[in-house]
N, C-alpha and C. Protein backbone atom coordinates (compact mmCIF):
# COMPACT_ATOMS: atom_id res chain seq x y z
N MET A 1 6.13 5.04 -28.11
CA MET A 1 5.69 5.80 -26.95
C MET A 1 4.18 5.99 -26.97
N ILE A 2 3.62 6.15 -28.16
CA ILE A 2 2.16 6.33 -28.26
C ILE A 2 1.45 5.02 -27.87
N SER A 3 2.00 3.89 -28.31
CA SER A 3 1.37 2.61 -27.98
C SER A 3 1.43 2.36 -26.48
N PHE A 4 2.52 2.80 -25.82
CA PHE A 4 2.63 2.63 -24.37
C PHE A 4 1.54 3.44 -23.67
N GLY A 5 1.27 4.65 -24.16
CA GLY A 5 0.21 5.47 -23.58
C GLY A 5 -1.15 4.81 -23.77
N ASN A 6 -1.37 4.20 -24.93
CA ASN A 6 -2.64 3.52 -25.16
C ASN A 6 -2.78 2.31 -24.25
N GLU A 7 -1.69 1.59 -24.04
CA GLU A 7 -1.75 0.42 -23.15
C GLU A 7 -2.06 0.85 -21.73
N ARG A 8 -1.41 1.92 -21.29
CA ARG A 8 -1.62 2.37 -19.91
C ARG A 8 -3.06 2.87 -19.74
N ARG A 9 -3.58 3.58 -20.74
CA ARG A 9 -4.96 4.07 -20.65
C ARG A 9 -5.93 2.90 -20.63
N ARG A 10 -5.66 1.87 -21.44
CA ARG A 10 -6.54 0.71 -21.49
C ARG A 10 -6.49 -0.05 -20.16
N LYS A 11 -5.32 -0.08 -19.51
CA LYS A 11 -5.18 -0.82 -18.26
C LYS A 11 -5.94 -0.11 -17.13
N CYS A 12 -5.95 1.23 -17.16
CA CYS A 12 -6.62 1.98 -16.10
C CYS A 12 -8.14 1.84 -16.23
N ARG A 13 -8.65 1.83 -17.45
CA ARG A 13 -10.11 1.72 -17.64
C ARG A 13 -10.53 0.26 -17.51
N MET A 14 -11.50 0.00 -16.64
CA MET A 14 -11.95 -1.38 -16.43
C MET A 14 -13.09 -1.71 -17.38
N ASN A 15 -13.10 -2.93 -17.86
CA ASN A 15 -14.15 -3.40 -18.74
C ASN A 15 -15.42 -3.67 -17.94
N THR A 16 -16.58 -3.59 -18.57
CA THR A 16 -17.84 -3.83 -17.86
C THR A 16 -17.87 -5.25 -17.32
N LEU A 17 -17.38 -6.21 -18.10
CA LEU A 17 -17.35 -7.61 -17.65
C LEU A 17 -16.42 -7.77 -16.45
N GLU A 18 -15.29 -7.06 -16.46
CA GLU A 18 -14.36 -7.14 -15.33
C GLU A 18 -15.00 -6.58 -14.07
N VAL A 19 -15.73 -5.47 -14.20
CA VAL A 19 -16.39 -4.87 -13.04
C VAL A 19 -17.44 -5.82 -12.48
N LEU A 20 -18.24 -6.43 -13.35
CA LEU A 20 -19.27 -7.37 -12.90
C LEU A 20 -18.64 -8.58 -12.23
N THR A 21 -17.55 -9.07 -12.79
CA THR A 21 -16.86 -10.22 -12.19
C THR A 21 -16.30 -9.86 -10.82
N LEU A 22 -15.72 -8.67 -10.71
CA LEU A 22 -15.15 -8.23 -9.44
C LEU A 22 -16.24 -8.11 -8.38
N VAL A 23 -17.38 -7.52 -8.74
CA VAL A 23 -18.50 -7.39 -7.80
C VAL A 23 -19.02 -8.76 -7.39
N LEU A 24 -19.11 -9.68 -8.34
CA LEU A 24 -19.60 -11.03 -8.04
C LEU A 24 -18.65 -11.75 -7.08
N VAL A 25 -17.34 -11.61 -7.31
CA VAL A 25 -16.36 -12.26 -6.43
C VAL A 25 -16.43 -11.67 -5.02
N ILE A 26 -16.51 -10.35 -4.92
CA ILE A 26 -16.60 -9.72 -3.60
C ILE A 26 -17.87 -10.16 -2.88
N PHE A 27 -18.99 -10.21 -3.60
CA PHE A 27 -20.25 -10.64 -2.99
C PHE A 27 -20.16 -12.09 -2.52
N ALA A 28 -19.53 -12.94 -3.32
CA ALA A 28 -19.39 -14.35 -2.94
C ALA A 28 -18.51 -14.50 -1.71
N VAL A 29 -17.43 -13.75 -1.64
CA VAL A 29 -16.53 -13.82 -0.48
C VAL A 29 -17.24 -13.33 0.78
N LEU A 30 -17.96 -12.22 0.67
CA LEU A 30 -18.67 -11.70 1.84
C LEU A 30 -19.74 -12.68 2.30
N THR A 31 -20.45 -13.30 1.38
CA THR A 31 -21.47 -14.28 1.74
C THR A 31 -20.83 -15.49 2.42
N TYR A 32 -19.69 -15.95 1.89
CA TYR A 32 -19.00 -17.09 2.48
C TYR A 32 -18.53 -16.77 3.90
N ILE A 33 -17.97 -15.58 4.07
CA ILE A 33 -17.49 -15.18 5.41
C ILE A 33 -18.67 -15.08 6.36
N ASP A 34 -19.77 -14.51 5.93
CA ASP A 34 -20.95 -14.35 6.80
C ASP A 34 -21.51 -15.72 7.18
N ASN A 35 -21.62 -16.63 6.24
CA ASN A 35 -22.14 -17.97 6.53
C ASN A 35 -21.18 -18.74 7.44
N HIS A 36 -19.90 -18.59 7.21
CA HIS A 36 -18.91 -19.29 8.01
C HIS A 36 -18.91 -18.75 9.45
N HIS A 37 -19.14 -17.45 9.58
CA HIS A 37 -19.15 -16.83 10.91
C HIS A 37 -20.40 -17.24 11.70
N ASP A 38 -21.52 -17.42 11.02
CA ASP A 38 -22.77 -17.81 11.70
C ASP A 38 -22.69 -19.23 12.26
N LYS A 39 -21.93 -20.11 11.61
CA LYS A 39 -21.85 -21.50 12.05
C LYS A 39 -21.11 -21.64 13.38
N LYS A 40 -20.18 -20.73 13.65
CA LYS A 40 -19.37 -20.84 14.87
C LYS A 40 -20.17 -20.48 16.12
């Protein structure tokens, strides 16, 4: 039961690398959508 609590706590807390990757992906998607919208 203690290990399950540790796993759940670890899953809720995001790693710094995961946050940077998530921001990079969101920025790339927004840039792609903006560029794709300008071409039309």
